[in-house]
Amino acid sequence: MRRFWPLAGAALAIAAVCAVAALRPWIDAPGAVVASDQDAAPAMIAPAALALPEQARVLVFGDSWTYGSAASLPTLGYAYVLGERLGWETTVDGVRGSGYLKPGLDGGSYGERIAALDPALDPDLVIVEGSINDRRLPAAGYRDAVTAAWDALAGLYPDADFVILGPAPQVLPVQETTARIDADLADLSAARGWWYISPIAEEWIGPDNYAQVIDTGIGRDHPSTNGHAYLATRVAEALAMMSESTVVVADAPRDPGPSGP
């Protein structure tokens, strides 16, 4: 039975105050924060709170992690588990080996695959995951490829909300090129006012849980079935912090109480 994901109450709101800074490092700014000429960084725009309808239509787009690689069945991958838990009508589009620059095993690069998406899908939310698959390619042209892909997605689904799920570490310590991809995606998301989730900054996968999350054997450094379930939980928690209800409760109490002296 489809159901709307119950929004967290006051306890989650309190937790959101502590954690939302990592999701929205620009939260303290009342509007756009423009970098100085010396920094030459893109402007950062606070993203709007998510307010998804019941039985939301959601596209989860990404690489082998979105495909469900190393789960006992691909449909036990995080994207499928997430959609089932939250009562979504989910379309999962994951291609192994694919990245913004790198073609995949079963499809093209992100930009090529976006060009082939169905315009009639009309999702309420698009989650774009990854990708570590670009880490062995030169940095030159990467940000341009990301920008072109996101422009195409925004043009294809103009009424959708967008959440970017950055790369998660498949090995520890986090590779320098993976960290560079994470930083680039965070900057580009902030410039658009899109939500960005960084599993690296949030330390979703670290020395304490790496062996429980990542299958280093036949899974070839992909999440195990339990690892995918864990990722689905972490993504759901991050989305909860982005919800309209959480932001209202955390930032603007409905009853301000009596005035102070």
Protein backbone atom coordinates (compact mmCIF):
# COMPACT_ATOMS: atom_id res chain seq x y z
CA MET A 1 0.00 0.00 0.00
CA ARG A 2 1.35 3.38 -0.99
CA ARG A 3 1.70 5.86 1.81
CA PHE A 4 3.19 9.26 2.35
CA TRP A 5 6.41 9.11 4.33
CA PRO A 6 5.61 10.29 7.87
CA LEU A 7 7.58 13.42 8.57
CA ALA A 8 9.65 13.42 11.72
CA GLY A 9 8.41 15.29 14.76
CA ALA A 10 10.08 17.55 17.22
CA ALA A 11 12.88 15.07 17.98
CA LEU A 12 13.92 14.93 14.34
CA ALA A 13 13.64 18.69 14.12
CA ILE A 14 16.13 19.06 16.95
CA ALA A 15 18.46 16.59 15.25
CA ALA A 16 18.05 18.52 12.02
CA VAL A 17 19.35 21.70 13.63
CA CYS A 18 22.57 19.86 14.49
CA ALA A 19 22.98 18.10 11.17
CA VAL A 20 21.54 20.47 8.60
CA ALA A 21 24.69 22.59 8.50
CA ALA A 22 26.53 19.73 6.83
CA LEU A 23 23.79 19.49 4.21
CA ARG A 24 23.43 23.27 3.86
CA PRO A 25 26.71 24.93 4.79
CA TRP A 26 25.25 28.20 3.59
CA ILE A 27 22.19 27.98 5.89
CA ASP A 28 23.14 31.06 7.92
CA ALA A 29 22.83 33.30 4.89
CA PRO A 30 19.42 34.92 4.42
CA GLY A 31 19.84 34.73 0.64
CA ALA A 32 22.54 34.11 -1.88
CA VAL A 33 26.10 34.36 -0.64
CA VAL A 34 28.37 35.72 -3.34
CA ALA A 35 32.06 34.94 -3.15
CA SER A 36 34.60 37.72 -3.34
CA ASP A 37 36.37 38.46 -6.59
CA GLN A 38 39.53 37.03 -5.09
CA ASP A 39 37.86 33.67 -4.36
CA ALA A 40 36.21 33.49 -7.81
CA ALA A 41 33.85 30.80 -6.47
CA PRO A 42 30.25 30.37 -7.65
CA ALA A 43 27.45 32.00 -5.70
CA MET A 44 25.75 29.81 -3.10
CA ILE A 45 21.96 29.78 -2.95
CA ALA A 46 20.02 28.28 -0.06
CA PRO A 47 17.91 25.42 -1.44
CA ALA A 48 14.17 25.40 -0.92
CA ALA A 49 12.71 22.91 1.53
CA LEU A 50 11.34 19.70 0.04
CA ALA A 51 7.59 19.19 0.12
CA LEU A 52 6.77 15.95 -1.67
CA PRO A 53 3.23 14.81 -2.32
CA GLU A 54 1.83 11.45 -1.32
CA GLN A 55 3.01 8.64 -3.59
CA ALA A 56 5.65 10.95 -4.98
CA ARG A 57 7.08 10.10 -8.38
CA VAL A 58 10.84 9.88 -7.93
CA LEU A 59 13.66 9.25 -10.39
CA VAL A 60 16.87 7.89 -8.86
CA PHE A 61 19.64 8.22 -11.42
CA GLY A 62 23.22 7.07 -10.99
CA ASP A 63 25.88 4.43 -11.43
CA SER A 64 26.42 0.87 -10.18
CA TRP A 65 25.48 1.82 -6.63
CA THR A 66 22.08 2.95 -7.90
CA TYR A 67 21.90 -0.16 -10.11
CA GLY A 68 22.18 -2.27 -6.97
CA SER A 69 25.52 -3.93 -7.65
CA ALA A 70 26.69 -6.45 -5.01
CA ALA A 71 23.26 -6.70 -3.39
CA SER A 72 21.97 -10.27 -3.46
CA LEU A 73 19.44 -8.94 -5.97
CA PRO A 74 19.73 -5.58 -7.75
CA THR A 75 16.24 -4.74 -6.50
CA LEU A 76 17.66 -4.84 -2.96
CA GLY A 77 19.87 -1.90 -3.86
CA TYR A 78 19.52 1.32 -1.88
CA ALA A 79 17.43 3.11 -4.53
CA TYR A 80 14.75 0.41 -4.58
CA VAL A 81 14.76 0.02 -0.79
CA LEU A 82 14.49 3.79 -0.32
CA GLY A 83 11.53 4.07 -2.67
CA GLU A 84 9.70 1.17 -1.05
CA ARG A 85 10.21 2.52 2.46
CA LEU A 86 8.96 5.98 1.58
CA GLY A 87 5.99 4.89 -0.51
CA TRP A 88 7.30 6.38 -3.73
CA GLU A 89 6.53 5.50 -7.32
CA THR A 90 10.18 5.02 -8.11
CA THR A 91 12.03 4.85 -11.39
CA VAL A 92 15.57 3.57 -10.89
CA ASP A 93 18.09 4.31 -13.65
CA GLY A 94 21.50 2.99 -12.65
CA VAL A 95 24.21 1.98 -15.11
CA ARG A 96 27.34 0.19 -13.97
CA GLY A 97 30.55 2.05 -14.70
CA SER A 98 28.81 5.23 -15.81
CA GLY A 99 29.86 8.74 -14.83
CA TYR A 100 29.55 12.31 -16.04
CA LEU A 101 32.49 11.74 -18.36
CA LYS A 102 32.81 7.96 -18.45
CA PRO A 103 30.50 5.70 -20.48
CA GLY A 104 29.05 2.75 -18.59
CA LEU A 105 29.02 -0.97 -19.20
CA ASP A 106 25.35 -1.00 -20.18
CA GLY A 107 24.87 2.59 -21.28
CA GLY A 108 26.55 5.90 -21.95
CA SER A 109 27.78 8.74 -19.79
CA TYR A 110 25.35 10.65 -17.59
CA GLY A 111 24.73 13.27 -20.26
CA GLU A 112 24.04 10.66 -22.95
CA ARG A 113 21.68 8.77 -20.66
CA ILE A 114 19.82 11.91 -19.63
CA ALA A 115 19.21 12.66 -23.30
CA ALA A 116 17.46 9.28 -23.56
CA LEU A 117 15.16 9.74 -20.54
CA ASP A 118 11.40 9.79 -21.04
CA PRO A 119 10.11 13.40 -20.90
CA ALA A 120 6.69 12.08 -19.85
CA LEU A 121 8.09 10.68 -16.60
CA ASP A 122 7.42 14.03 -14.88
CA PRO A 123 8.99 13.21 -11.48
CA ASP A 124 8.37 15.21 -8.34
CA LEU A 125 11.94 14.55 -7.22
CA VAL A 126 15.13 13.60 -9.03
CA ILE A 127 18.03 12.15 -7.04
CA VAL A 128 21.31 12.05 -8.95
CA GLU A 129 23.94 9.80 -7.34
CA GLY A 130 27.69 9.50 -7.93
CA SER A 131 29.99 9.04 -9.48
CA ILE A 132 33.36 7.61 -8.47
CA ASN A 133 33.69 6.30 -12.03
CA ASP A 134 35.13 9.65 -13.16
CA ARG A 135 37.96 9.54 -10.62
CA ARG A 136 40.52 8.12 -13.07
CA LEU A 137 39.77 10.72 -15.74
CA PRO A 138 41.34 14.19 -15.93
CA ALA A 139 39.64 16.97 -14.01
CA ALA A 140 39.60 19.14 -17.13
CA GLY A 141 36.09 19.27 -18.53
CA TYR A 142 34.47 17.59 -15.54
CA ARG A 143 32.57 20.58 -14.22
CA ASP A 144 31.43 21.44 -17.75
CA ALA A 145 30.07 17.91 -18.17
CA VAL A 146 28.22 18.12 -14.85
CA THR A 147 26.76 21.51 -15.75
CA ALA A 148 25.58 20.29 -19.14
CA ALA A 149 24.00 17.17 -17.63
CA TRP A 150 22.18 19.12 -14.93
CA ASP A 151 21.03 21.74 -17.41
CA ALA A 152 19.52 18.96 -19.50
CA LEU A 153 17.81 17.39 -16.48
CA ALA A 154 16.38 20.70 -15.33
CA GLY A 155 15.11 21.41 -18.82
CA LEU A 156 13.59 17.94 -19.13
CA TYR A 157 11.82 18.05 -15.74
CA PRO A 158 11.29 21.74 -14.94
CA ASP A 159 8.79 21.06 -12.13
CA ALA A 160 10.97 18.59 -10.24
CA ASP A 161 13.04 19.12 -7.12
CA PHE A 162 16.65 17.97 -7.37
CA VAL A 163 18.91 16.36 -4.79
CA ILE A 164 22.50 15.48 -5.62
CA LEU A 165 23.94 12.49 -3.77
CA GLY A 166 27.70 12.70 -3.98
CA PRO A 167 30.12 9.80 -4.28
CA ALA A 168 30.64 7.50 -1.32
CA PRO A 169 34.03 5.95 -0.64
CA GLN A 170 34.45 2.44 -1.99
CA VAL A 171 37.87 2.24 -0.34
CA LEU A 172 39.51 3.91 2.63
CA PRO A 173 41.14 6.31 2.99
CA VAL A 174 39.04 8.36 0.57
CA GLN A 175 40.93 8.76 -2.69
CA GLU A 176 42.05 12.28 -3.51
CA THR A 177 40.27 12.26 -6.87
CA THR A 178 37.03 11.11 -5.24
CA ALA A 179 37.31 13.98 -2.76
CA ARG A 180 37.83 16.38 -5.67
CA ILE A 181 34.65 15.11 -7.34
CA ASP A 182 32.76 15.56 -4.07
CA ALA A 183 33.97 19.16 -3.76
CA ASP A 184 33.10 19.99 -7.37
CA LEU A 185 29.58 18.59 -7.04
CA ALA A 186 29.02 20.44 -3.77
CA ASP A 187 30.07 23.75 -5.34
CA LEU A 188 27.94 23.28 -8.44
CA SER A 189 24.90 22.21 -6.40
CA ALA A 190 25.21 25.28 -4.16
CA ALA A 191 25.35 27.56 -7.18
CA ARG A 192 21.98 26.18 -8.35
CA GLY A 193 20.29 26.09 -4.97
CA TRP A 194 20.05 22.30 -5.15
CA TRP A 195 20.38 20.12 -2.09
CA TYR A 196 23.67 18.24 -1.85
CA ILE A 197 24.33 15.16 0.30
CA SER A 198 27.98 14.31 0.92
CA PRO A 199 28.52 10.79 2.28
CA ILE A 200 32.20 11.72 2.50
CA ALA A 201 31.72 14.84 4.64
CA GLU A 202 29.10 13.03 6.74
CA GLU A 203 31.44 10.04 7.15
CA TRP A 204 28.76 7.53 6.27
CA ILE A 205 31.46 4.94 5.61
CA GLY A 206 34.47 4.87 7.91
CA PRO A 207 36.85 2.45 9.60
CA ASP A 208 34.22 1.46 12.17
CA ASN A 209 31.62 0.24 9.68
CA TYR A 210 33.48 -0.25 6.39
CA ALA A 211 33.48 -4.06 6.61
CA GLN A 212 29.73 -4.11 7.33
CA VAL A 213 28.85 -1.78 4.43
CA ILE A 214 31.26 -2.67 1.62
CA ASP A 215 31.67 -6.11 0.03
CA THR A 216 35.35 -6.27 -0.89
CA GLY A 217 35.13 -9.84 -2.21
CA ILE A 218 32.86 -10.81 -5.07
CA GLY A 219 31.17 -7.41 -4.67
CA ARG A 220 34.38 -5.72 -5.82
CA ASP A 221 34.13 -2.81 -3.39
CA HIS A 222 30.40 -2.20 -3.71
CA PRO A 223 27.83 -2.13 -0.89
CA SER A 224 26.58 -5.48 0.33
CA THR A 225 22.86 -6.12 0.73
CA ASN A 226 23.10 -4.85 4.29
CA GLY A 227 25.24 -1.96 3.05
CA HIS A 228 22.55 -0.92 0.57
CA ALA A 229 19.93 -1.03 3.33
CA TYR A 230 22.18 1.18 5.45
CA LEU A 231 22.62 3.67 2.61
CA ALA A 232 18.84 3.80 2.10
CA THR A 233 18.47 4.70 5.78
CA ARG A 234 21.07 7.44 5.58
CA VAL A 235 19.54 8.96 2.45
CA ALA A 236 16.07 8.87 4.03
CA GLU A 237 17.41 10.67 7.11
CA ALA A 238 19.05 13.31 4.94
CA LEU A 239 15.84 13.87 2.99
CA ALA A 240 13.90 14.22 6.24
CA MET A 241 16.12 17.12 7.21
CA MET A 242 15.31 18.80 3.92
CA SER A 243 11.56 18.52 4.38
CA GLU A 244 9.38 21.59 4.73
CA SER A 245 8.02 20.46 8.08
CA THR A 246 11.49 20.03 9.59
CA VAL A 247 12.63 23.46 8.45
CA VAL A 248 9.48 25.14 9.78
CA VAL A 249 9.79 23.47 13.18
CA ALA A 250 13.52 24.06 13.46
CA ASP A 251 13.70 27.62 12.17
CA ALA A 252 10.35 29.23 12.92
CA PRO A 253 8.26 27.98 15.88
CA ARG A 254 4.56 28.51 15.29
CA ASP A 255 3.99 29.78 18.85
CA PRO A 256 6.66 32.30 19.81
CA GLY A 257 5.36 32.49 23.39
CA PRO A 258 5.16 35.60 25.51
CA SER A 259 7.47 38.50 24.79
CA GLY A 260 10.55 38.89 26.91
CA PRO A 261 11.21 41.85 29.18
